[in-house]
Structure formats: structure tokens, C-alpha cells
């Protein structure tokens, strides 16, 4: 994650802080996620069966797309230079708006919404995130992502 001073990060509240690199969501990634989560619904792992649905083929799990935010954030989310540890605190308003079809690429777009001091050495960051699907108008998901940083 990019390092910056807390003052520099605070100056970016309300602005887009960056866009991640593209990540491929291929069938192998979808199958691996299905095995780990034991969610083997046919729309994810059965190309023949999924081809008969309105999706026209297999799609990624919504939670797979959501989980890729951690990788996407590593490209763009700034953390204070004094950070000892950063952890996920949760999400608000997670919405899965469009399916990610197998073979598509996705990327995250991040806007820093707020920073709030929650106690000595504890900062709560909120980012508005959108996961874009290459070549499509509608994002795969939108959410407010809450992180806690310990300095």
C-alpha cells in the first residue's frame, strides 16, 4: 500500500484516490473460490448448465468479487507512515449490481470518504469503492468499506 503522511491523506477526503490494476476473473479462479467456500452452485462451476441461464455462462461469486478488493486496495489505498497495523472493520451498503462473467477483468475505483479518530492511535477510514467490469457500463459492486488503522 502506498505510504503518505496523515495530513496528505486527510487532504484527499472526498476525492478519488485511485484505480487499481485490472484482475482477470477466469474459470480457474472461480472454481478455486467455489472449493474454498464450498459454494458450488452451478452458475459458478458448470459452464454447460450456466450457458442455459440468462447469464449465458458461468459467473463469479459476488463474494469472490468482494474479496478481490483487498488485492485492489493494495494498489491505491494510502496508509499513514506511522501505521503499525491495518485491519478490515466491515462494509456498509454492499450491492452486487452486475454479474462478472468468467473471463472478464475487473478493477477497483476508490474514493476516500472519511477519516475519524476512534481513540489513541486508532483511525477509522471509510472508502467508497466500485468494482468495474472491463467493457461494461454497470459496475459489479459498490460498497462503503471501513478499515481501522493502528498507528
N, C-alpha and C. Protein backbone atom coordinates (compact mmCIF):
# COMPACT_ATOMS: atom_id res chain seq x y z
N UNK A 1 0.84 -1.19 0.00
CA UNK A 1 0.00 0.00 0.00
C UNK A 1 0.88 1.25 0.00
N UNK A 2 0.47 2.24 -0.74
CA UNK A 2 1.24 3.49 -0.76
C UNK A 2 1.27 4.14 0.63
N UNK A 3 2.41 4.71 0.98
CA UNK A 3 2.61 5.37 2.28
C UNK A 3 2.55 6.89 2.07
N UNK A 4 1.93 7.60 3.01
CA UNK A 4 1.85 9.06 2.95
C UNK A 4 1.72 9.59 4.38
N UNK A 5 1.85 10.89 4.52
CA UNK A 5 1.61 11.49 5.84
C UNK A 5 0.11 11.53 6.06
N UNK A 6 -0.28 11.54 7.32
CA UNK A 6 -1.70 11.61 7.65
C UNK A 6 -2.30 12.90 7.11
N UNK A 7 -1.56 13.99 7.18
CA UNK A 7 -2.06 15.27 6.64
C UNK A 7 -2.31 15.18 5.14
N UNK A 8 -1.41 14.53 4.42
CA UNK A 8 -1.59 14.37 2.97
C UNK A 8 -2.82 13.50 2.67
N UNK A 9 -3.01 12.46 3.48
CA UNK A 9 -4.16 11.58 3.27
C UNK A 9 -5.45 12.34 3.58
N UNK A 10 -5.48 13.07 4.70
CA UNK A 10 -6.68 13.85 5.06
C UNK A 10 -7.04 14.86 3.97
N UNK A 11 -6.06 15.41 3.31
CA UNK A 11 -6.30 16.39 2.25
C UNK A 11 -7.05 15.77 1.06
N UNK A 12 -7.08 14.45 0.99
CA UNK A 12 -7.73 13.77 -0.14
C UNK A 12 -9.15 13.31 0.18
N UNK A 13 -9.64 13.60 1.39
CA UNK A 13 -11.01 13.21 1.74
C UNK A 13 -11.97 13.84 0.73
N UNK A 14 -12.88 13.00 0.24
CA UNK A 14 -13.86 13.46 -0.74
C UNK A 14 -13.40 13.36 -2.18
N UNK A 15 -12.19 12.84 -2.38
CA UNK A 15 -11.67 12.72 -3.74
C UNK A 15 -11.35 11.27 -4.08
N UNK A 16 -11.32 11.00 -5.37
CA UNK A 16 -10.91 9.67 -5.82
C UNK A 16 -9.42 9.54 -5.58
N UNK A 17 -9.03 8.47 -4.89
CA UNK A 17 -7.62 8.29 -4.59
C UNK A 17 -6.91 7.39 -5.59
N UNK A 18 -7.68 6.66 -6.37
CA UNK A 18 -7.03 5.85 -7.38
C UNK A 18 -7.87 4.71 -7.91
N UNK A 19 -7.31 4.08 -8.94
CA UNK A 19 -7.93 2.95 -9.61
C UNK A 19 -6.89 1.83 -9.66
N UNK A 20 -7.29 0.65 -9.28
CA UNK A 20 -6.36 -0.48 -9.24
C UNK A 20 -6.04 -0.99 -10.64
N UNK A 21 -5.08 -1.89 -10.69
CA UNK A 21 -4.81 -2.63 -11.92
C UNK A 21 -5.98 -3.57 -12.20
N UNK A 22 -6.07 -4.01 -13.44
CA UNK A 22 -7.09 -5.00 -13.82
C UNK A 22 -6.71 -6.37 -13.28
N UNK A 23 -7.72 -7.14 -12.85
CA UNK A 23 -7.53 -8.52 -12.41
C UNK A 23 -8.43 -9.43 -13.24
N UNK A 24 -7.89 -10.52 -13.72
CA UNK A 24 -8.66 -11.48 -14.50
C UNK A 24 -9.46 -12.39 -13.58
N UNK A 25 -10.74 -12.51 -13.87
CA UNK A 25 -11.61 -13.44 -13.14
C UNK A 25 -11.94 -14.58 -14.11
N UNK A 26 -11.04 -15.55 -14.15
CA UNK A 26 -11.22 -16.67 -15.08
C UNK A 26 -11.90 -17.84 -14.37
N UNK A 27 -12.21 -18.87 -15.14
CA UNK A 27 -12.91 -20.02 -14.55
C UNK A 27 -12.09 -20.70 -13.48
N UNK A 28 -10.78 -20.74 -13.64
CA UNK A 28 -9.93 -21.37 -12.63
C UNK A 28 -10.05 -20.65 -11.29
N UNK A 29 -10.09 -19.32 -11.31
CA UNK A 29 -10.22 -18.53 -10.07
C UNK A 29 -11.60 -18.79 -9.45
N UNK A 30 -12.63 -18.81 -10.29
CA UNK A 30 -13.99 -19.07 -9.81
C UNK A 30 -14.08 -20.45 -9.18
N UNK A 31 -13.52 -21.46 -9.85
CA UNK A 31 -13.54 -22.83 -9.32
C UNK A 31 -12.80 -22.93 -8.00
N UNK A 32 -11.65 -22.27 -7.89
CA UNK A 32 -10.88 -22.30 -6.65
C UNK A 32 -11.68 -21.67 -5.51
N UNK A 33 -12.35 -20.55 -5.80
CA UNK A 33 -13.16 -19.90 -4.77
C UNK A 33 -14.32 -20.81 -4.36
N UNK A 34 -14.93 -21.49 -5.33
CA UNK A 34 -16.03 -22.41 -5.03
C UNK A 34 -15.57 -23.52 -4.09
N UNK A 35 -14.37 -24.03 -4.31
CA UNK A 35 -13.85 -25.09 -3.44
C UNK A 35 -13.58 -24.58 -2.03
N UNK A 36 -12.97 -23.42 -1.93
CA UNK A 36 -12.64 -22.86 -0.60
C UNK A 36 -13.91 -22.56 0.19
N UNK A 37 -14.92 -22.01 -0.46
CA UNK A 37 -16.13 -21.59 0.24
C UNK A 37 -17.21 -22.67 0.27
N UNK A 38 -16.99 -23.75 -0.49
CA UNK A 38 -17.97 -24.83 -0.64
C UNK A 38 -19.28 -24.33 -1.24
N UNK A 39 -19.20 -23.27 -2.03
CA UNK A 39 -20.35 -22.75 -2.77
C UNK A 39 -20.17 -23.17 -4.23
N UNK A 40 -20.70 -24.34 -4.55
CA UNK A 40 -20.52 -24.91 -5.88
C UNK A 40 -21.79 -24.81 -6.72
N UNK A 41 -22.53 -23.72 -6.53
CA UNK A 41 -23.76 -23.53 -7.31
C UNK A 41 -23.42 -23.58 -8.80
N UNK A 42 -24.28 -24.20 -9.59
CA UNK A 42 -23.96 -24.46 -11.00
C UNK A 42 -23.67 -23.20 -11.80
N UNK A 43 -24.24 -22.07 -11.43
CA UNK A 43 -23.98 -20.85 -12.22
C UNK A 43 -22.53 -20.39 -12.11
N UNK A 44 -21.82 -20.96 -11.14
CA UNK A 44 -20.40 -20.64 -10.97
C UNK A 44 -19.48 -21.69 -11.57
N UNK A 45 -19.85 -22.96 -11.48
CA UNK A 45 -18.89 -24.03 -11.81
C UNK A 45 -19.29 -24.95 -12.96
N UNK A 46 -20.48 -24.80 -13.50
CA UNK A 46 -20.94 -25.68 -14.58
C UNK A 46 -21.18 -24.87 -15.85
N UNK A 47 -20.14 -24.74 -16.71
CA UNK A 47 -20.29 -23.92 -17.91
C UNK A 47 -21.47 -24.33 -18.80
N UNK A 48 -21.72 -25.62 -18.91
CA UNK A 48 -22.81 -26.10 -19.75
C UNK A 48 -24.17 -25.69 -19.18
N UNK A 49 -24.36 -25.93 -17.90
CA UNK A 49 -25.62 -25.57 -17.24
C UNK A 49 -25.80 -24.06 -17.19
N UNK A 50 -24.74 -23.34 -16.89
CA UNK A 50 -24.82 -21.88 -16.78
C UNK A 50 -25.11 -21.23 -18.13
N UNK A 51 -24.70 -21.89 -19.22
CA UNK A 51 -24.95 -21.35 -20.56
C UNK A 51 -26.45 -21.27 -20.86
N UNK A 52 -27.25 -22.05 -20.16
CA UNK A 52 -28.71 -22.07 -20.38
C UNK A 52 -29.44 -21.02 -19.54
N UNK A 53 -28.71 -20.26 -18.74
CA UNK A 53 -29.32 -19.23 -17.89
C UNK A 53 -29.25 -17.88 -18.60
N UNK A 54 -29.94 -16.88 -18.07
CA UNK A 54 -29.83 -15.53 -18.65
C UNK A 54 -28.40 -14.97 -18.65
N UNK A 55 -27.50 -15.54 -17.83
CA UNK A 55 -26.12 -15.07 -17.79
C UNK A 55 -25.33 -15.55 -19.02
N UNK A 56 -25.77 -16.64 -19.63
CA UNK A 56 -25.11 -17.15 -20.83
C UNK A 56 -23.81 -17.87 -20.59
N UNK A 57 -23.46 -18.10 -19.35
CA UNK A 57 -22.22 -18.78 -18.97
C UNK A 57 -21.98 -18.61 -17.49
N UNK A 58 -20.87 -19.13 -17.03
CA UNK A 58 -20.59 -19.05 -15.60
C UNK A 58 -20.26 -17.62 -15.19
N UNK A 59 -20.56 -17.34 -13.93
CA UNK A 59 -20.28 -16.03 -13.35
C UNK A 59 -19.54 -16.20 -12.03
N UNK A 60 -18.81 -15.19 -11.65
CA UNK A 60 -18.10 -15.20 -10.36
C UNK A 60 -19.09 -15.05 -9.22
N UNK A 61 -18.74 -15.62 -8.11
CA UNK A 61 -19.50 -15.40 -6.87
C UNK A 61 -19.40 -13.92 -6.52
N UNK A 62 -20.47 -13.35 -6.02
CA UNK A 62 -20.40 -11.96 -5.55
C UNK A 62 -19.33 -11.80 -4.48
N UNK A 63 -19.23 -12.79 -3.59
CA UNK A 63 -18.24 -12.70 -2.53
C UNK A 63 -16.81 -12.84 -3.06
N UNK A 64 -16.63 -13.51 -4.18
CA UNK A 64 -15.30 -13.54 -4.81
C UNK A 64 -14.93 -12.13 -5.26
N UNK A 65 -15.84 -11.48 -5.94
CA UNK A 65 -15.59 -10.12 -6.39
C UNK A 65 -15.29 -9.21 -5.20
N UNK A 66 -16.09 -9.33 -4.15
CA UNK A 66 -15.87 -8.53 -2.94
C UNK A 66 -14.50 -8.82 -2.33
N UNK A 67 -14.11 -10.08 -2.31
CA UNK A 67 -12.82 -10.45 -1.69
C UNK A 67 -11.63 -9.90 -2.47
N UNK A 68 -11.79 -9.67 -3.75
CA UNK A 68 -10.69 -9.13 -4.55
C UNK A 68 -10.37 -7.67 -4.20
N UNK A 69 -11.26 -7.03 -3.44
CA UNK A 69 -10.99 -5.65 -3.03
C UNK A 69 -9.68 -5.54 -2.24
N UNK A 70 -9.35 -6.55 -1.47
CA UNK A 70 -8.10 -6.49 -0.71
C UNK A 70 -6.90 -6.35 -1.63
N UNK A 71 -6.89 -7.12 -2.71
CA UNK A 71 -5.80 -7.03 -3.68
C UNK A 71 -5.83 -5.69 -4.40
N UNK A 72 -7.02 -5.25 -4.77
CA UNK A 72 -7.16 -3.98 -5.48
C UNK A 72 -6.70 -2.82 -4.61
N UNK A 73 -7.05 -2.84 -3.35
CA UNK A 73 -6.70 -1.76 -2.43
C UNK A 73 -5.19 -1.61 -2.29
N UNK A 74 -4.47 -2.71 -2.40
CA UNK A 74 -3.01 -2.66 -2.25
C UNK A 74 -2.38 -1.74 -3.30
N UNK A 75 -3.05 -1.55 -4.42
CA UNK A 75 -2.53 -0.67 -5.47
C UNK A 75 -2.70 0.81 -5.14
N UNK A 76 -3.76 1.16 -4.38
CA UNK A 76 -4.11 2.58 -4.29
C UNK A 76 -4.38 3.14 -2.91
N UNK A 77 -4.80 2.35 -1.96
CA UNK A 77 -5.17 2.89 -0.65
C UNK A 77 -3.93 3.36 0.10
N UNK A 78 -3.90 4.62 0.43
CA UNK A 78 -2.77 5.17 1.18
C UNK A 78 -2.94 4.90 2.67
N UNK A 79 -1.83 4.64 3.33
CA UNK A 79 -1.83 4.49 4.78
C UNK A 79 -0.79 5.43 5.37
N UNK A 80 -1.04 5.90 6.60
CA UNK A 80 -0.07 6.80 7.23
C UNK A 80 1.28 6.12 7.43
N UNK A 81 2.31 6.92 7.36
CA UNK A 81 3.67 6.40 7.51
C UNK A 81 3.90 5.77 8.88
N UNK A 82 3.06 6.10 9.85
CA UNK A 82 3.21 5.56 11.21
C UNK A 82 2.37 4.31 11.45
N UNK A 83 1.79 3.74 10.41
CA UNK A 83 0.91 2.57 10.56
C UNK A 83 1.66 1.37 11.11
N UNK A 84 1.10 0.79 12.17
CA UNK A 84 1.62 -0.45 12.74
C UNK A 84 0.83 -1.65 12.22
N UNK A 85 -0.48 -1.41 11.98
CA UNK A 85 -1.35 -2.50 11.54
C UNK A 85 -2.62 -1.89 10.95
N UNK A 86 -3.14 -2.54 9.92
CA UNK A 86 -4.41 -2.14 9.32
C UNK A 86 -5.29 -3.38 9.22
N UNK A 87 -6.56 -3.23 9.60
CA UNK A 87 -7.49 -4.37 9.55
C UNK A 87 -8.82 -3.94 8.94
N UNK A 88 -9.50 -4.93 8.37
CA UNK A 88 -10.86 -4.69 7.90
C UNK A 88 -11.76 -4.51 9.10
N UNK A 89 -12.66 -3.55 9.02
CA UNK A 89 -13.63 -3.33 10.09
C UNK A 89 -15.02 -3.70 9.62
N UNK A 90 -15.26 -3.62 8.31
CA UNK A 90 -16.55 -4.02 7.79
C UNK A 90 -16.94 -3.25 6.54
N UNK A 91 -18.16 -3.48 6.12
CA UNK A 91 -18.72 -2.83 4.94
C UNK A 91 -20.10 -2.30 5.27
N UNK A 92 -20.48 -1.27 4.56
CA UNK A 92 -21.85 -0.78 4.59
C UNK A 92 -22.32 -0.66 3.15
N UNK A 93 -23.60 -0.88 2.96
CA UNK A 93 -24.22 -0.65 1.65
C UNK A 93 -23.57 -1.46 0.53
N UNK A 94 -23.23 -2.72 0.78
CA UNK A 94 -22.68 -3.56 -0.28
C UNK A 94 -23.82 -3.93 -1.22
N UNK A 95 -23.61 -3.67 -2.50
CA UNK A 95 -24.61 -4.01 -3.51
C UNK A 95 -23.91 -4.67 -4.69
N UNK A 96 -24.43 -5.84 -5.11
CA UNK A 96 -23.92 -6.54 -6.29
C UNK A 96 -24.81 -6.14 -7.46
N UNK A 97 -24.29 -5.32 -8.34
CA UNK A 97 -25.11 -4.70 -9.38
C UNK A 97 -25.09 -5.42 -10.72
N UNK A 98 -23.99 -6.09 -11.03
CA UNK A 98 -23.88 -6.78 -12.32
C UNK A 98 -23.00 -8.02 -12.15
N UNK A 99 -23.33 -9.09 -12.86
CA UNK A 99 -22.51 -10.30 -12.75
C UNK A 99 -21.17 -10.13 -13.45
N UNK A 100 -20.17 -10.78 -12.88
CA UNK A 100 -18.85 -10.83 -13.51
C UNK A 100 -18.76 -12.18 -14.22
N UNK A 101 -18.81 -12.14 -15.53
CA UNK A 101 -18.75 -13.38 -16.31
C UNK A 101 -17.32 -13.91 -16.34
N UNK A 102 -17.20 -15.23 -16.34
CA UNK A 102 -15.88 -15.88 -16.41
C UNK A 102 -15.11 -15.34 -17.61
N UNK A 103 -13.86 -14.98 -17.38
CA UNK A 103 -13.00 -14.46 -18.43
C UNK A 103 -12.93 -12.95 -18.48
N UNK A 104 -13.73 -12.27 -17.68
CA UNK A 104 -13.72 -10.81 -17.64
C UNK A 104 -12.64 -10.31 -16.68
N UNK A 105 -12.24 -9.06 -16.87
CA UNK A 105 -11.31 -8.40 -15.96
C UNK A 105 -12.07 -7.35 -15.15
N UNK A 106 -11.64 -7.18 -13.90
CA UNK A 106 -12.26 -6.20 -13.01
C UNK A 106 -11.17 -5.33 -12.39
N UNK A 107 -11.58 -4.15 -11.96
CA UNK A 107 -10.65 -3.26 -11.23
C UNK A 107 -11.47 -2.45 -10.23
N UNK A 108 -10.78 -1.96 -9.20
CA UNK A 108 -11.43 -1.18 -8.17
C UNK A 108 -11.16 0.30 -8.32
N UNK A 109 -12.19 1.10 -8.08
CA UNK A 109 -12.08 2.56 -8.07
C UNK A 109 -12.40 2.99 -6.64
N UNK A 110 -11.49 3.77 -6.04
CA UNK A 110 -11.58 4.10 -4.62
C UNK A 110 -11.66 5.61 -4.39
N UNK A 111 -12.61 6.02 -3.55
CA UNK A 111 -12.75 7.40 -3.10
C UNK A 111 -12.68 7.41 -1.58
N UNK A 112 -11.82 8.24 -1.02
CA UNK A 112 -11.72 8.36 0.43
C UNK A 112 -12.87 9.22 0.93
N UNK A 113 -13.76 8.62 1.70
CA UNK A 113 -14.94 9.33 2.20
C UNK A 113 -14.70 10.04 3.52
N UNK A 114 -13.99 9.36 4.45
CA UNK A 114 -13.77 9.98 5.76
C UNK A 114 -12.64 9.30 6.51
N UNK A 115 -12.12 10.05 7.48
CA UNK A 115 -11.17 9.52 8.46
C UNK A 115 -11.65 10.03 9.81
N UNK A 116 -11.79 9.11 10.75
CA UNK A 116 -12.26 9.50 12.08
C UNK A 116 -11.36 8.87 13.14
N UNK A 117 -10.93 9.68 14.10
CA UNK A 117 -10.14 9.15 15.20
C UNK A 117 -11.08 8.43 16.16
N UNK A 118 -10.78 7.17 16.43
CA UNK A 118 -11.63 6.35 17.30
C UNK A 118 -11.03 6.13 18.67
N UNK A 119 -9.86 6.66 18.88
CA UNK A 119 -9.15 6.51 20.15
C UNK A 119 -7.68 6.75 19.89
N UNK A 120 -6.89 6.78 20.95
CA UNK A 120 -5.45 7.00 20.77
C UNK A 120 -4.85 5.94 19.83
N UNK A 121 -4.26 6.41 18.75
CA UNK A 121 -3.60 5.50 17.82
C UNK A 121 -4.53 4.66 16.97
N UNK A 122 -5.81 5.01 16.92
CA UNK A 122 -6.79 4.25 16.13
C UNK A 122 -7.55 5.18 15.20
N UNK A 123 -7.45 4.93 13.92
CA UNK A 123 -8.13 5.75 12.91
C UNK A 123 -9.06 4.87 12.08
N UNK A 124 -10.27 5.34 11.91
CA UNK A 124 -11.22 4.63 11.05
C UNK A 124 -11.28 5.33 9.70
N UNK A 125 -10.97 4.59 8.66
CA UNK A 125 -11.03 5.09 7.28
C UNK A 125 -12.26 4.51 6.60
N UNK A 126 -12.97 5.33 5.84
CA UNK A 126 -14.08 4.83 5.02
C UNK A 126 -13.79 5.20 3.57
N UNK A 127 -13.86 4.18 2.72
CA UNK A 127 -13.67 4.38 1.27
C UNK A 127 -14.94 3.95 0.54
N UNK A 128 -15.40 4.76 -0.37
CA UNK A 128 -16.45 4.34 -1.31
C UNK A 128 -15.73 3.59 -2.42
N UNK A 129 -16.15 2.36 -2.66
CA UNK A 129 -15.49 1.55 -3.68
C UNK A 129 -16.49 1.10 -4.73
N UNK A 130 -15.98 0.98 -5.94
CA UNK A 130 -16.76 0.47 -7.05
C UNK A 130 -15.86 -0.49 -7.81
N UNK A 131 -16.38 -1.67 -8.12
CA UNK A 131 -15.63 -2.64 -8.91
C UNK A 131 -16.18 -2.61 -10.33
N UNK A 132 -15.33 -2.15 -11.24
CA UNK A 132 -15.71 -2.02 -12.64
C UNK A 132 -15.40 -3.30 -13.39
N UNK A 133 -16.23 -3.59 -14.38
CA UNK A 133 -16.02 -4.74 -15.26
C UNK A 133 -15.59 -4.19 -16.61
N UNK A 134 -14.47 -4.67 -17.09
CA UNK A 134 -13.93 -4.17 -18.35
C UNK A 134 -14.96 -4.30 -19.48
N UNK A 135 -15.18 -3.19 -20.19
CA UNK A 135 -16.08 -3.19 -21.33
C UNK A 135 -17.55 -3.10 -21.00
N UNK A 136 -17.88 -2.92 -19.72
CA UNK A 136 -19.29 -2.84 -19.32
C UNK A 136 -19.56 -1.52 -18.60
N UNK A 137 -20.78 -1.04 -18.74
CA UNK A 137 -21.16 0.23 -18.14
C UNK A 137 -21.47 0.12 -16.65
N UNK A 138 -22.11 -0.97 -16.25
CA UNK A 138 -22.55 -1.13 -14.87
C UNK A 138 -21.46 -1.80 -14.04
N UNK A 139 -21.18 -1.28 -12.84
CA UNK A 139 -20.17 -1.92 -12.00
C UNK A 139 -20.67 -3.25 -11.43
N UNK A 140 -19.72 -4.12 -11.11
CA UNK A 140 -20.06 -5.39 -10.49
C UNK A 140 -20.61 -5.17 -9.08
N UNK A 141 -19.97 -4.24 -8.36
CA UNK A 141 -20.44 -3.96 -7.00
C UNK A 141 -20.03 -2.56 -6.58
N UNK A 142 -20.76 -2.07 -5.60
CA UNK A 142 -20.42 -0.83 -4.93
C UNK A 142 -20.53 -1.08 -3.42
N UNK A 143 -19.76 -0.35 -2.65
CA UNK A 143 -19.81 -0.53 -1.19
C UNK A 143 -19.07 0.61 -0.51
N UNK A 144 -19.36 0.78 0.76
CA UNK A 144 -18.56 1.62 1.63
C UNK A 144 -17.73 0.68 2.49
N UNK A 145 -16.42 0.77 2.37
CA UNK A 145 -15.50 -0.14 3.04
C UNK A 145 -14.87 0.59 4.22
N UNK A 146 -14.98 -0.02 5.38
CA UNK A 146 -14.47 0.57 6.62
C UNK A 146 -13.21 -0.18 7.06
N UNK A 147 -12.15 0.56 7.29
CA UNK A 147 -10.90 -0.03 7.78
C UNK A 147 -10.44 0.67 9.03
N UNK A 148 -9.74 -0.06 9.87
CA UNK A 148 -9.19 0.51 11.10
C UNK A 148 -7.67 0.44 10.99
N UNK A 149 -7.05 1.58 11.23
CA UNK A 149 -5.59 1.67 11.17
C UNK A 149 -5.07 2.00 12.57
N UNK A 150 -4.08 1.25 12.97
CA UNK A 150 -3.44 1.45 14.28
C UNK A 150 -2.06 2.07 14.03
N UNK A 151 -1.84 3.23 14.66
CA UNK A 151 -0.57 3.94 14.45
C UNK A 151 0.26 3.94 15.72
